[in-house]
Amino acid sequence: MSQIQQGMAMLIAAFHKYSGKEGDKTTLAKGELKDLLTAELGDIFAKSSDQAALDKIFKDLDANADGTVDFQEYVTLVACITMLCNEFFTKQ
């Protein structure tokens, strides 16, 4: 597999590692999203335990307002964070 294909497989695996623990296996509930952000992106989110910040992230991600974060909404988050990291590192 190419590096991009490996990255895609890792994104899919990370999503499904956390989805379905609290219900639908194709979406992330708020608790599942918190677990994912803490475990997988803790360095970026500084292992924040700020419930208000988590609520805002969840609300902003839940584009269709169905009370869960689906795979497309999750990928949007990862893409945005990746773009911000790229900007940060290209300015260094």
Protein backbone atom coordinates (compact mmCIF):
# COMPACT_ATOMS: atom_id res chain seq x y z
CA MET A 1 0.00 0.00 0.00
CA SER A 2 1.10 3.54 -0.66
CA GLN A 3 1.55 6.01 2.20
CA ILE A 4 -1.76 7.68 1.35
CA GLN A 5 -3.57 4.34 1.31
CA GLN A 6 -2.00 3.48 4.67
CA GLY A 7 -3.14 6.84 6.04
CA MET A 8 -6.66 6.23 4.80
CA ALA A 9 -6.72 2.78 6.39
CA MET A 10 -5.48 4.24 9.68
CA LEU A 11 -8.20 6.94 9.66
CA ILE A 12 -10.86 4.31 9.06
CA ALA A 13 -9.46 2.00 11.76
CA ALA A 14 -9.23 4.83 14.32
CA PHE A 15 -12.86 5.83 13.70
CA HIS A 16 -14.14 2.27 14.11
CA LYS A 17 -11.99 1.69 17.20
CA TYR A 18 -14.23 4.19 19.03
CA SER A 19 -17.55 4.04 17.17
CA GLY A 20 -20.34 1.75 18.29
CA LYS A 21 -19.43 1.51 21.97
CA GLU A 22 -22.46 3.64 22.88
CA GLY A 23 -24.81 2.62 20.07
CA ASP A 24 -24.59 2.84 16.29
CA LYS A 25 -21.32 1.38 15.04
CA THR A 26 -21.23 3.86 12.12
CA THR A 27 -21.23 7.00 14.28
CA LEU A 28 -19.49 8.52 17.27
CA ALA A 29 -21.52 9.56 20.29
CA LYS A 30 -20.19 12.45 22.36
CA GLY A 31 -18.40 10.12 24.80
CA GLU A 32 -16.84 8.16 21.98
CA LEU A 33 -15.65 11.36 20.33
CA LYS A 34 -14.12 12.50 23.62
CA ASP A 35 -12.29 9.17 23.96
CA LEU A 36 -11.02 9.43 20.37
CA LEU A 37 -9.84 13.03 20.77
CA THR A 38 -8.11 12.27 24.05
CA ALA A 39 -6.41 9.05 22.97
CA GLU A 40 -5.63 9.81 19.33
CA LEU A 41 -5.22 13.61 19.28
CA GLY A 42 -4.33 14.32 22.91
CA ASP A 43 -1.12 16.13 21.99
CA ILE A 44 -3.04 18.55 19.79
CA PHE A 45 -5.96 19.01 22.15
CA ALA A 46 -3.62 19.14 25.17
CA LYS A 47 -5.62 16.32 26.80
CA SER A 48 -8.31 18.87 27.55
CA SER A 49 -11.00 17.93 30.02
CA ASP A 50 -12.94 21.12 29.31
CA GLN A 51 -16.52 19.90 28.85
CA ALA A 52 -17.63 23.19 27.25
CA ALA A 53 -14.89 22.89 24.63
CA LEU A 54 -15.88 19.29 23.90
CA ASP A 55 -19.53 20.30 23.59
CA LYS A 56 -18.58 23.03 21.10
CA ILE A 57 -16.40 20.69 19.03
CA PHE A 58 -19.19 18.11 18.98
CA LYS A 59 -21.83 20.65 18.01
CA ASP A 60 -19.63 22.12 15.27
CA LEU A 61 -18.83 18.65 13.88
CA ASP A 62 -22.41 17.42 13.96
CA ALA A 63 -23.28 19.20 10.71
CA ASN A 64 -26.61 17.43 10.27
CA ALA A 65 -27.56 17.93 13.97
CA ASP A 66 -28.46 14.28 14.51
CA GLY A 67 -26.64 14.05 17.85
CA THR A 68 -23.76 11.95 16.53
CA VAL A 69 -20.61 12.42 14.47
CA ASP A 70 -20.60 10.28 11.35
CA PHE A 71 -17.55 9.28 9.32
CA GLN A 72 -17.79 12.27 6.96
CA GLU A 73 -17.96 14.70 9.89
CA TYR A 74 -14.99 12.94 11.52
CA VAL A 75 -12.93 13.14 8.31
CA THR A 76 -13.75 16.86 8.11
CA LEU A 77 -12.27 17.33 11.59
CA VAL A 78 -9.12 15.39 10.71
CA ALA A 79 -8.72 17.30 7.44
CA CYS A 80 -9.07 20.68 9.17
CA ILE A 81 -6.55 19.75 11.87
CA THR A 82 -4.17 18.46 9.20
CA MET A 83 -4.42 21.74 7.28
CA LEU A 84 -3.72 23.74 10.45
CA CYS A 85 -0.70 21.58 11.25
CA ASN A 86 0.61 22.00 7.72
CA GLU A 87 0.28 25.78 8.00
CA PHE A 88 2.06 25.77 11.36
CA PHE A 89 4.97 23.64 10.17
CA THR A 90 5.45 25.46 6.85
CA LYS A 91 5.74 28.76 8.75
CA GLN A 92 8.48 27.35 11.02
